[in-house]
Amino acid sequence: MGPTGTEATIASEHEIRASLSQHLARLWRYGVVLSRQRDVADDLVQATCVRALERASQFASGTRLDRWLFSILHSIWLNEVRSRRIRMGNGFVDADVTLTFDGEQETETHVLANQVLRRVNNLPEAQRTAVFLAYVEGLSYKEVAEVLDVPIGTIMSRLAAARAKLAENADSDTVAKHSKGGKS
């Protein structure tokens, strides 16, 4: 005989508690991508952890915890956006403030990463979110679609549009560099 509903809940909550800490950094990065604010990302991660523990009975044992946690965080963010629109303006900070690295910022790697992140940060929110989940977190298109609760075709379209926009920005940067160097 299988475990009763209560025993299954306890097993799920135990699984979640045991695994939650290994997903915190990834959740925080996703929170920063969505909110563009480090303190808001902290709050989103905390709210995600609380909701995950409160709703442990909804977690299907044997499935990917990270996908479930991303879905929870995304849902909390959407609720926050809706509330914020009602209460006040956007309150976003500039990419230069959000995309600050600890340590030696002058290294070529960090400069390049900052440029890429700034370009991605300038994408529309739907594209930025899809890019983060697919390319940074490594979720499949199907998994991204499930996290965002949209059809897979929408994800494919958002990613194609984001790649085109990023390529367009890279091409215009190349032209600008050649123009500054005296080459036309």
N, C-alpha and C. Protein backbone atom coordinates (compact mmCIF):
# COMPACT_ATOMS: atom_id res chain seq x y z
N MET A 1 0.83 -1.18 0.00
CA MET A 1 0.00 0.00 0.00
C MET A 1 0.87 1.25 0.00
N GLY A 2 0.40 2.28 -0.71
CA GLY A 2 1.14 3.52 -0.80
C GLY A 2 0.90 4.38 0.42
N PRO A 3 1.65 5.46 0.54
CA PRO A 3 1.49 6.35 1.69
C PRO A 3 0.16 7.09 1.59
N THR A 4 -0.37 7.46 2.74
CA THR A 4 -1.60 8.24 2.76
C THR A 4 -1.29 9.65 2.32
N GLY A 5 -2.33 10.44 2.13
CA GLY A 5 -2.15 11.83 1.68
C GLY A 5 -1.27 12.62 2.61
N THR A 6 -1.45 12.43 3.92
CA THR A 6 -0.65 13.16 4.90
C THR A 6 0.81 12.74 4.82
N GLU A 7 1.08 11.44 4.69
CA GLU A 7 2.47 10.97 4.59
C GLU A 7 3.12 11.47 3.31
N ALA A 8 2.37 11.54 2.21
CA ALA A 8 2.91 12.05 0.94
C ALA A 8 3.27 13.52 1.08
N THR A 9 2.44 14.28 1.78
CA THR A 9 2.71 15.70 2.01
C THR A 9 3.99 15.87 2.81
N ILE A 10 4.14 15.08 3.85
CA ILE A 10 5.34 15.16 4.68
C ILE A 10 6.57 14.80 3.85
N ALA A 11 6.46 13.77 3.01
CA ALA A 11 7.59 13.39 2.17
C ALA A 11 7.94 14.52 1.22
N SER A 12 6.94 15.15 0.61
CA SER A 12 7.18 16.25 -0.32
C SER A 12 7.80 17.44 0.39
N GLU A 13 7.26 17.78 1.57
CA GLU A 13 7.81 18.90 2.32
C GLU A 13 9.25 18.62 2.72
N HIS A 14 9.53 17.37 3.12
CA HIS A 14 10.90 16.99 3.47
C HIS A 14 11.81 17.13 2.25
N GLU A 15 11.35 16.66 1.08
CA GLU A 15 12.13 16.78 -0.16
C GLU A 15 12.42 18.25 -0.46
N ILE A 16 11.40 19.07 -0.33
CA ILE A 16 11.55 20.50 -0.63
C ILE A 16 12.54 21.14 0.33
N ARG A 17 12.37 20.91 1.61
CA ARG A 17 13.28 21.48 2.61
C ARG A 17 14.72 21.03 2.36
N ALA A 18 14.90 19.77 2.01
CA ALA A 18 16.23 19.22 1.78
C ALA A 18 16.90 19.80 0.54
N SER A 19 16.11 20.18 -0.46
CA SER A 19 16.67 20.61 -1.74
C SER A 19 16.58 22.11 -1.99
N LEU A 20 15.84 22.81 -1.19
CA LEU A 20 15.57 24.23 -1.45
C LEU A 20 16.84 25.07 -1.52
N SER A 21 17.77 24.84 -0.62
CA SER A 21 18.97 25.69 -0.55
C SER A 21 19.81 25.63 -1.82
N GLN A 22 19.81 24.50 -2.50
CA GLN A 22 20.63 24.41 -3.72
C GLN A 22 20.04 25.18 -4.90
N HIS A 23 18.81 25.68 -4.77
CA HIS A 23 18.17 26.44 -5.85
C HIS A 23 18.09 27.94 -5.55
N LEU A 24 18.55 28.37 -4.39
CA LEU A 24 18.40 29.77 -4.00
C LEU A 24 19.11 30.73 -4.94
N ALA A 25 20.33 30.43 -5.33
CA ALA A 25 21.08 31.34 -6.22
C ALA A 25 20.38 31.48 -7.57
N ARG A 26 19.90 30.37 -8.10
CA ARG A 26 19.21 30.42 -9.39
C ARG A 26 17.90 31.19 -9.28
N LEU A 27 17.18 31.00 -8.19
CA LEU A 27 15.94 31.74 -7.98
C LEU A 27 16.24 33.23 -7.86
N TRP A 28 17.31 33.57 -7.14
CA TRP A 28 17.66 34.98 -6.97
C TRP A 28 18.01 35.62 -8.31
N ARG A 29 18.78 34.90 -9.13
CA ARG A 29 19.12 35.44 -10.46
C ARG A 29 17.85 35.69 -11.28
N TYR A 30 16.92 34.76 -11.22
CA TYR A 30 15.66 34.93 -11.95
C TYR A 30 14.88 36.12 -11.38
N GLY A 31 14.91 36.28 -10.07
CA GLY A 31 14.27 37.42 -9.44
C GLY A 31 14.86 38.74 -9.90
N VAL A 32 16.18 38.79 -10.06
CA VAL A 32 16.84 40.00 -10.56
C VAL A 32 16.47 40.24 -12.02
N VAL A 33 16.39 39.18 -12.81
CA VAL A 33 16.01 39.33 -14.22
C VAL A 33 14.60 39.92 -14.32
N LEU A 34 13.70 39.43 -13.50
CA LEU A 34 12.33 39.92 -13.55
C LEU A 34 12.19 41.33 -13.00
N SER A 35 12.76 41.57 -11.84
CA SER A 35 12.52 42.83 -11.13
C SER A 35 13.54 43.92 -11.42
N ARG A 36 14.74 43.52 -11.82
CA ARG A 36 15.86 44.45 -12.03
C ARG A 36 16.30 45.12 -10.74
N GLN A 37 15.94 44.55 -9.62
CA GLN A 37 16.30 45.12 -8.32
C GLN A 37 16.72 43.99 -7.39
N ARG A 38 17.89 44.15 -6.79
CA ARG A 38 18.43 43.11 -5.91
C ARG A 38 17.55 42.89 -4.67
N ASP A 39 17.09 43.96 -4.06
CA ASP A 39 16.28 43.80 -2.85
C ASP A 39 14.93 43.16 -3.17
N VAL A 40 14.35 43.48 -4.31
CA VAL A 40 13.09 42.85 -4.72
C VAL A 40 13.34 41.37 -5.00
N ALA A 41 14.48 41.05 -5.61
CA ALA A 41 14.82 39.65 -5.87
C ALA A 41 14.92 38.88 -4.56
N ASP A 42 15.53 39.50 -3.54
CA ASP A 42 15.60 38.86 -2.22
C ASP A 42 14.21 38.54 -1.69
N ASP A 43 13.31 39.53 -1.80
CA ASP A 43 11.94 39.34 -1.33
C ASP A 43 11.21 38.26 -2.12
N LEU A 44 11.44 38.23 -3.44
CA LEU A 44 10.80 37.21 -4.28
C LEU A 44 11.26 35.81 -3.89
N VAL A 45 12.54 35.66 -3.64
CA VAL A 45 13.07 34.34 -3.26
C VAL A 45 12.49 33.92 -1.91
N GLN A 46 12.44 34.86 -0.98
CA GLN A 46 11.89 34.53 0.33
C GLN A 46 10.42 34.12 0.20
N ALA A 47 9.64 34.88 -0.55
CA ALA A 47 8.23 34.56 -0.74
C ALA A 47 8.06 33.22 -1.45
N THR A 48 8.96 32.93 -2.40
CA THR A 48 8.91 31.66 -3.11
C THR A 48 9.16 30.50 -2.16
N CYS A 49 10.14 30.64 -1.29
CA CYS A 49 10.44 29.57 -0.32
C CYS A 49 9.27 29.35 0.62
N VAL A 50 8.69 30.43 1.11
CA VAL A 50 7.55 30.31 2.02
C VAL A 50 6.39 29.62 1.31
N ARG A 51 6.07 30.07 0.09
CA ARG A 51 4.95 29.47 -0.64
C ARG A 51 5.23 28.00 -0.97
N ALA A 52 6.46 27.68 -1.33
CA ALA A 52 6.80 26.29 -1.64
C ALA A 52 6.58 25.40 -0.43
N LEU A 53 6.98 25.88 0.74
CA LEU A 53 6.79 25.08 1.95
C LEU A 53 5.31 25.00 2.34
N GLU A 54 4.60 26.11 2.16
CA GLU A 54 3.17 26.11 2.47
C GLU A 54 2.38 25.17 1.55
N ARG A 55 2.83 25.08 0.31
CA ARG A 55 2.10 24.30 -0.69
C ARG A 55 2.86 23.04 -1.10
N ALA A 56 3.60 22.50 -0.17
CA ALA A 56 4.39 21.30 -0.45
C ALA A 56 3.53 20.16 -0.97
N SER A 57 2.29 20.13 -0.56
CA SER A 57 1.39 19.05 -1.01
C SER A 57 1.13 19.12 -2.51
N GLN A 58 1.37 20.28 -3.13
CA GLN A 58 1.15 20.44 -4.57
C GLN A 58 2.35 19.99 -5.39
N PHE A 59 3.47 19.76 -4.74
CA PHE A 59 4.67 19.32 -5.45
C PHE A 59 4.57 17.83 -5.73
N ALA A 60 4.77 17.46 -6.98
CA ALA A 60 4.72 16.04 -7.35
C ALA A 60 6.11 15.44 -7.18
N SER A 61 6.24 14.52 -6.22
CA SER A 61 7.53 13.88 -5.98
C SER A 61 8.04 13.24 -7.26
N GLY A 62 9.33 13.35 -7.47
CA GLY A 62 9.93 12.77 -8.67
C GLY A 62 9.99 13.74 -9.84
N THR A 63 9.39 14.92 -9.70
CA THR A 63 9.47 15.92 -10.77
C THR A 63 10.56 16.92 -10.42
N ARG A 64 10.84 17.81 -11.34
CA ARG A 64 11.92 18.79 -11.14
C ARG A 64 11.49 19.92 -10.22
N LEU A 65 12.15 20.00 -9.09
CA LEU A 65 11.85 21.03 -8.11
C LEU A 65 12.15 22.42 -8.67
N ASP A 66 13.23 22.57 -9.44
CA ASP A 66 13.58 23.89 -9.95
C ASP A 66 12.47 24.47 -10.83
N ARG A 67 11.88 23.67 -11.70
CA ARG A 67 10.78 24.15 -12.54
C ARG A 67 9.62 24.61 -11.70
N TRP A 68 9.28 23.86 -10.67
CA TRP A 68 8.17 24.21 -9.79
C TRP A 68 8.47 25.52 -9.06
N LEU A 69 9.69 25.67 -8.57
CA LEU A 69 10.08 26.89 -7.86
C LEU A 69 10.09 28.10 -8.79
N PHE A 70 10.59 27.94 -10.03
CA PHE A 70 10.55 29.04 -11.00
C PHE A 70 9.10 29.46 -11.27
N SER A 71 8.21 28.49 -11.37
CA SER A 71 6.79 28.79 -11.61
C SER A 71 6.20 29.59 -10.45
N ILE A 72 6.54 29.19 -9.24
CA ILE A 72 6.05 29.90 -8.06
C ILE A 72 6.58 31.33 -8.07
N LEU A 73 7.89 31.49 -8.29
CA LEU A 73 8.49 32.82 -8.29
C LEU A 73 7.85 33.69 -9.37
N HIS A 74 7.65 33.12 -10.55
CA HIS A 74 7.04 33.87 -11.65
C HIS A 74 5.62 34.32 -11.28
N SER A 75 4.87 33.45 -10.66
CA SER A 75 3.51 33.77 -10.24
C SER A 75 3.50 34.90 -9.21
N ILE A 76 4.41 34.81 -8.24
CA ILE A 76 4.52 35.87 -7.22
C ILE A 76 4.88 37.18 -7.89
N TRP A 77 5.79 37.15 -8.85
CA TRP A 77 6.20 38.36 -9.55
C TRP A 77 5.03 38.98 -10.29
N LEU A 78 4.27 38.16 -11.01
CA LEU A 78 3.11 38.69 -11.74
C LEU A 78 2.11 39.34 -10.78
N ASN A 79 1.89 38.71 -9.65
CA ASN A 79 1.00 39.31 -8.65
C ASN A 79 1.55 40.64 -8.15
N GLU A 80 2.86 40.70 -7.96
CA GLU A 80 3.50 41.95 -7.51
C GLU A 80 3.37 43.04 -8.57
N VAL A 81 3.58 42.68 -9.83
CA VAL A 81 3.45 43.66 -10.92
C VAL A 81 2.03 44.21 -10.96
N ARG A 82 1.06 43.32 -10.86
CA ARG A 82 -0.34 43.77 -10.87
C ARG A 82 -0.62 44.71 -9.70
N SER A 83 -0.15 44.35 -8.53
CA SER A 83 -0.35 45.19 -7.34
C SER A 83 0.35 46.53 -7.50
N ARG A 84 1.55 46.50 -8.01
CA ARG A 84 2.34 47.73 -8.19
C ARG A 84 1.67 48.67 -9.17
N ARG A 85 1.13 48.11 -10.23
CA ARG A 85 0.44 48.95 -11.22
C ARG A 85 -0.75 49.65 -10.59
N ILE A 86 -1.39 48.98 -9.68
CA ILE A 86 -2.53 49.57 -9.00
C ILE A 86 -2.08 50.64 -8.01
N ARG A 87 -1.01 50.33 -7.23
CA ARG A 87 -0.56 51.22 -6.16
C ARG A 87 0.28 52.39 -6.65
N MET A 88 1.21 52.12 -7.59
CA MET A 88 2.17 53.17 -7.97
C MET A 88 2.82 52.84 -9.29
N GLY A 89 3.86 53.60 -9.65
CA GLY A 89 4.58 53.39 -10.90
C GLY A 89 5.48 52.18 -10.85
N ASN A 90 6.30 52.03 -11.89
CA ASN A 90 7.13 50.83 -12.05
C ASN A 90 8.23 50.71 -11.01
N GLY A 91 8.98 51.76 -10.72
CA GLY A 91 10.03 51.70 -9.71
C GLY A 91 11.25 50.90 -10.10
N PHE A 92 11.50 50.71 -11.39
CA PHE A 92 12.67 49.95 -11.82
C PHE A 92 13.92 50.81 -11.73
N VAL A 93 15.06 50.16 -11.56
CA VAL A 93 16.33 50.87 -11.54
C VAL A 93 17.05 50.64 -12.86
N ASP A 94 18.02 51.48 -13.13
CA ASP A 94 18.80 51.39 -14.35
C ASP A 94 19.67 50.14 -14.34
N ALA A 95 19.96 49.61 -15.52
CA ALA A 95 20.79 48.41 -15.64
C ALA A 95 22.16 48.61 -15.01
N ASP A 96 22.73 49.81 -15.09
CA ASP A 96 24.04 50.07 -14.50
C ASP A 96 24.04 49.84 -12.99
N VAL A 97 22.92 50.13 -12.34
CA VAL A 97 22.83 49.93 -10.89
C VAL A 97 22.66 48.45 -10.58
N THR A 98 21.79 47.77 -11.34
CA THR A 98 21.48 46.37 -11.08
C THR A 98 22.62 45.45 -11.47
N LEU A 99 23.31 45.75 -12.53
CA LEU A 99 24.31 44.84 -13.08
C LEU A 99 25.71 45.16 -12.56
N THR A 100 25.83 45.29 -11.27
CA THR A 100 27.11 45.56 -10.63
C THR A 100 27.71 44.24 -10.17
N PHE A 101 28.96 44.04 -10.50
CA PHE A 101 29.65 42.81 -10.11
C PHE A 101 30.53 43.08 -8.91
N ASP A 102 30.67 42.08 -8.06
CA ASP A 102 31.59 42.18 -6.94
C ASP A 102 33.00 41.96 -7.46
N GLY A 103 33.96 42.61 -6.86
CA GLY A 103 35.35 42.38 -7.24
C GLY A 103 35.83 43.29 -8.34
N GLU A 104 36.72 42.77 -9.15
CA GLU A 104 37.38 43.55 -10.19
C GLU A 104 36.49 43.70 -11.42
N GLN A 105 35.81 44.85 -11.52
CA GLN A 105 34.93 45.08 -12.66
C GLN A 105 35.69 45.38 -13.94
N GLU A 106 36.92 45.76 -13.84
CA GLU A 106 37.66 46.18 -15.02
C GLU A 106 38.12 45.02 -15.89
N THR A 107 38.01 43.82 -15.41
CA THR A 107 38.47 42.70 -16.22
C THR A 107 37.61 42.59 -17.48
N GLU A 108 38.23 42.12 -18.53
CA GLU A 108 37.54 42.02 -19.81
C GLU A 108 36.30 41.13 -19.74
N THR A 109 36.37 40.08 -18.98
CA THR A 109 35.23 39.17 -18.85
C THR A 109 34.03 39.88 -18.25
N HIS A 110 34.25 40.64 -17.20
CA HIS A 110 33.14 41.33 -16.57
C HIS A 110 32.59 42.44 -17.46
N VAL A 111 33.45 43.13 -18.17
CA VAL A 111 32.98 44.18 -19.07
C VAL A 111 32.10 43.56 -20.16
N LEU A 112 32.57 42.47 -20.75
CA LEU A 112 31.79 41.80 -21.78
C LEU A 112 30.47 41.28 -21.21
N ALA A 113 30.52 40.67 -20.04
CA ALA A 113 29.30 40.16 -19.41
C ALA A 113 28.33 41.30 -19.13
N ASN A 114 28.84 42.43 -18.68
CA ASN A 114 28.00 43.59 -18.40
C ASN A 114 27.32 44.08 -19.68
N GLN A 115 28.06 44.10 -20.79
CA GLN A 115 27.49 44.52 -22.07
C GLN A 115 26.38 43.57 -22.51
N VAL A 116 26.63 42.29 -22.41
CA VAL A 116 25.63 41.29 -22.80
C VAL A 116 24.40 41.41 -21.92
N LEU A 117 24.61 41.50 -20.61
CA LEU A 117 23.49 41.62 -19.68
C LEU A 117 22.69 42.90 -19.93
N ARG A 118 23.36 43.96 -20.25
CA ARG A 118 22.67 45.22 -20.54
C ARG A 118 21.79 45.07 -21.78
N ARG A 119 22.33 44.41 -22.80
CA ARG A 119 21.54 44.19 -24.01
C ARG A 119 20.33 43.32 -23.72
N VAL A 120 20.55 42.25 -22.97
CA VAL A 120 19.43 41.37 -22.62
C VAL A 120 18.44 42.13 -21.74
N ASN A 121 18.94 42.93 -20.83
CA ASN A 121 18.09 43.70 -19.93
C ASN A 121 17.21 44.68 -20.69
N ASN A 122 17.65 45.13 -21.86
CA ASN A 122 16.87 46.07 -22.66
C ASN A 122 15.79 45.40 -23.49
N LEU A 123 15.78 44.07 -23.52
CA LEU A 123 14.72 43.36 -24.24
C LEU A 123 13.40 43.55 -23.51
N PRO A 124 12.29 43.43 -24.23
CA PRO A 124 10.98 43.45 -23.54
C PRO A 124 10.93 42.32 -22.51
N GLU A 125 10.15 42.51 -21.46
CA GLU A 125 10.13 41.57 -20.33
C GLU A 125 9.87 40.13 -20.77
N ALA A 126 8.91 39.92 -21.66
CA ALA A 126 8.57 38.56 -22.09
C ALA A 126 9.77 37.88 -22.75
N GLN A 127 10.51 38.62 -23.58
CA GLN A 127 11.69 38.06 -24.24
C GLN A 127 12.81 37.85 -23.24
N ARG A 128 13.02 38.81 -22.36
CA ARG A 128 14.09 38.74 -21.36
C ARG A 128 13.89 37.52 -20.47
N THR A 129 12.67 37.29 -20.05
CA THR A 129 12.36 36.14 -19.19
C THR A 129 12.61 34.83 -19.92
N ALA A 130 12.16 34.74 -21.16
CA ALA A 130 12.37 33.51 -21.95
C ALA A 130 13.86 33.26 -22.16
N VAL A 131 14.62 34.30 -22.48
CA VAL A 131 16.06 34.17 -22.69
C VAL A 131 16.71 33.66 -21.41
N PHE A 132 16.37 34.23 -20.28
CA PHE A 132 16.98 33.82 -19.02
C PHE A 132 16.70 32.34 -18.73
N LEU A 133 15.43 31.96 -18.81
CA LEU A 133 15.08 30.58 -18.45
C LEU A 133 15.69 29.57 -19.41
N ALA A 134 15.70 29.89 -20.71
CA ALA A 134 16.21 28.94 -21.70
C ALA A 134 17.74 28.92 -21.75
N TYR A 135 18.36 30.08 -21.79
CA TYR A 135 19.80 30.13 -22.04
C TYR A 135 20.66 30.23 -20.78
N VAL A 136 20.15 30.82 -19.74
CA VAL A 136 20.93 30.90 -18.50
C VAL A 136 20.63 29.69 -17.62
N GLU A 137 19.35 29.39 -17.43
CA GLU A 137 18.98 28.28 -16.55
C GLU A 137 18.93 26.95 -17.28
N GLY A 138 18.97 26.96 -18.60
CA GLY A 138 19.06 25.72 -19.36
C GLY A 138 17.78 24.92 -19.43
N LEU A 139 16.64 25.56 -19.21
CA LEU A 139 15.38 24.84 -19.33
C LEU A 139 15.06 24.63 -20.81
N SER A 140 14.38 23.54 -21.11
CA SER A 140 13.96 23.28 -22.49
C SER A 140 12.83 24.26 -22.84
N TYR A 141 12.55 24.40 -24.14
CA TYR A 141 11.47 25.28 -24.57
C TYR A 141 10.16 24.87 -23.90
N LYS A 142 9.93 23.57 -23.83
CA LYS A 142 8.71 23.05 -23.22
C LYS A 142 8.65 23.44 -21.74
N GLU A 143 9.77 23.32 -21.04
CA GLU A 143 9.81 23.67 -19.63
C GLU A 143 9.60 25.17 -19.42
N VAL A 144 10.20 25.99 -20.29
CA VAL A 144 10.00 27.44 -20.21
C VAL A 144 8.52 27.75 -20.41
N ALA A 145 7.90 27.10 -21.39
CA ALA A 145 6.48 27.32 -21.66
C ALA A 145 5.64 26.95 -20.44
N GLU A 146 5.99 25.87 -19.77
CA GLU A 146 5.25 25.45 -18.58
C GLU A 146 5.44 26.44 -17.43
N VAL A 147 6.67 26.92 -17.23
CA VAL A 147 6.93 27.87 -16.15
C VAL A 147 6.14 29.16 -16.38
N LEU A 148 6.13 29.64 -17.63
CA LEU A 148 5.47 30.90 -17.94
C LEU A 148 3.99 30.73 -18.28
N ASP A 149 3.55 29.48 -18.38
CA ASP A 149 2.15 29.16 -18.67
C ASP A 149 1.69 29.76 -20.01
N VAL A 150 2.52 29.55 -21.04
CA VAL A 150 2.19 29.97 -22.40
C VAL A 150 2.50 28.81 -23.35
N PRO A 151 1.95 28.85 -24.57
CA PRO A 151 2.26 27.78 -25.54
C PRO A 151 3.74 27.77 -25.92
N ILE A 152 4.24 26.60 -26.30
CA ILE A 152 5.65 26.46 -26.67
C ILE A 152 5.97 27.32 -27.90
N GLY A 153 5.02 27.47 -28.80
CA GLY A 153 5.23 28.32 -29.97
C GLY A 153 5.50 29.77 -29.59
N THR A 154 4.86 30.22 -28.53
CA THR A 154 5.09 31.58 -28.04
C THR A 154 6.52 31.72 -27.54
N ILE A 155 7.02 30.70 -26.86
CA ILE A 155 8.41 30.72 -26.38
C ILE A 155 9.37 30.76 -27.56
N MET A 156 9.12 29.93 -28.54
CA MET A 156 9.98 29.90 -29.73
C MET A 156 9.98 31.25 -30.42
N SER A 157 8.83 31.87 -30.52
CA SER A 157 8.72 33.19 -31.13
C SER A 157 9.46 34.25 -30.32
N ARG A 158 9.29 34.23 -29.00
CA ARG A 158 9.98 35.20 -28.13
C ARG A 158 11.49 35.06 -28.23
N LEU A 159 11.97 33.81 -28.24
CA LEU A 159 13.42 33.59 -28.33
C LEU A 159 13.96 34.01 -29.69
N ALA A 160 13.23 33.73 -30.76
CA ALA A 160 13.67 34.14 -32.10
C ALA A 160 13.72 35.66 -32.19
N ALA A 161 12.71 36.33 -31.66
CA ALA A 161 12.69 37.80 -31.68
C ALA A 161 13.83 38.37 -30.83
N ALA A 162 14.09 37.75 -29.69
CA ALA A 162 15.18 38.21 -28.82
C ALA A 162 16.54 38.04 -29.50
N ARG A 163 16.75 36.87 -30.13
CA ARG A 163 18.01 36.64 -30.85
C ARG A 163 18.18 37.66 -31.97
N ALA A 164 17.11 37.94 -32.71
CA ALA A 164 17.19 38.92 -33.80
C ALA A 164 17.52 40.31 -33.26
N LYS A 165 16.89 40.69 -32.17
CA LYS A 165 17.15 42.01 -31.57
C LYS A 165 18.58 42.10 -31.04
N LEU A 166 19.06 41.04 -30.40
CA LEU A 166 20.43 41.04 -29.89
C LEU A 166 21.44 41.08 -31.02
N ALA A 167 21.16 40.37 -32.11
CA ALA A 167 22.05 40.39 -33.28
C ALA A 167 22.05 41.78 -33.92
N GLU A 168 20.88 42.39 -33.99
CA GLU A 168 20.76 43.74 -34.54
C GLU A 168 21.58 44.73 -33.72
N ASN A 169 21.49 44.61 -32.40
CA ASN A 169 22.27 45.49 -31.51
C ASN A 169 23.77 45.25 -31.68
N ALA A 170 24.17 43.99 -31.83
CA ALA A 170 25.59 43.68 -32.01
C ALA A 170 26.09 44.25 -33.34
N ASP A 171 25.28 44.13 -34.39
CA ASP A 171 25.67 44.69 -35.69
C ASP A 171 25.79 46.20 -35.63
N SER A 172 24.87 46.88 -34.97
CA SER A 172 24.93 48.34 -34.88
C SER A 172 26.12 48.78 -34.03
N ASP A 173 26.49 47.99 -33.01
CA ASP A 173 27.68 48.30 -32.21
C ASP A 173 28.94 48.19 -33.06
N THR A 174 29.00 47.18 -33.91
CA THR A 174 30.16 46.98 -34.79
C THR A 174 30.29 48.15 -35.76
N VAL A 175 29.18 48.57 -36.34
CA VAL A 175 29.19 49.71 -37.27
C VAL A 175 29.64 50.97 -36.53
N ALA A 176 29.14 51.18 -35.32
CA ALA A 176 29.52 52.36 -34.54
C ALA A 176 31.01 52.36 -34.22
N LYS A 177 31.58 51.20 -33.89
CA LYS A 177 33.01 51.12 -33.58
C LYS A 177 33.85 51.45 -34.82
N HIS A 178 33.43 50.93 -35.98
CA HIS A 178 34.17 51.21 -37.20
C HIS A 178 34.07 52.70 -37.56
N SER A 179 32.92 53.31 -37.31
CA SER A 179 32.73 54.73 -37.61
C SER A 179 33.62 55.59 -36.73
N LYS A 180 33.75 55.22 -35.46
CA LYS A 180 34.59 55.98 -34.52
C LYS A 180 36.06 55.85 -34.87
N GLY A 181 36.41 54.71 -35.44
CA GLY A 181 37.81 54.48 -35.77
C GLY A 181 38.23 55.11 -37.08
N GLY A 182 37.31 55.85 -37.71
CA GLY A 182 37.65 56.51 -38.97
C GLY A 182 37.31 55.70 -40.19
N LYS A 183 36.82 54.48 -40.00
CA LYS A 183 36.44 53.64 -41.13
C LYS A 183 34.95 53.80 -41.38
N SER A 184 34.56 53.84 -42.64
CA SER A 184 33.15 54.01 -42.96
C SER A 184 32.62 52.79 -43.65
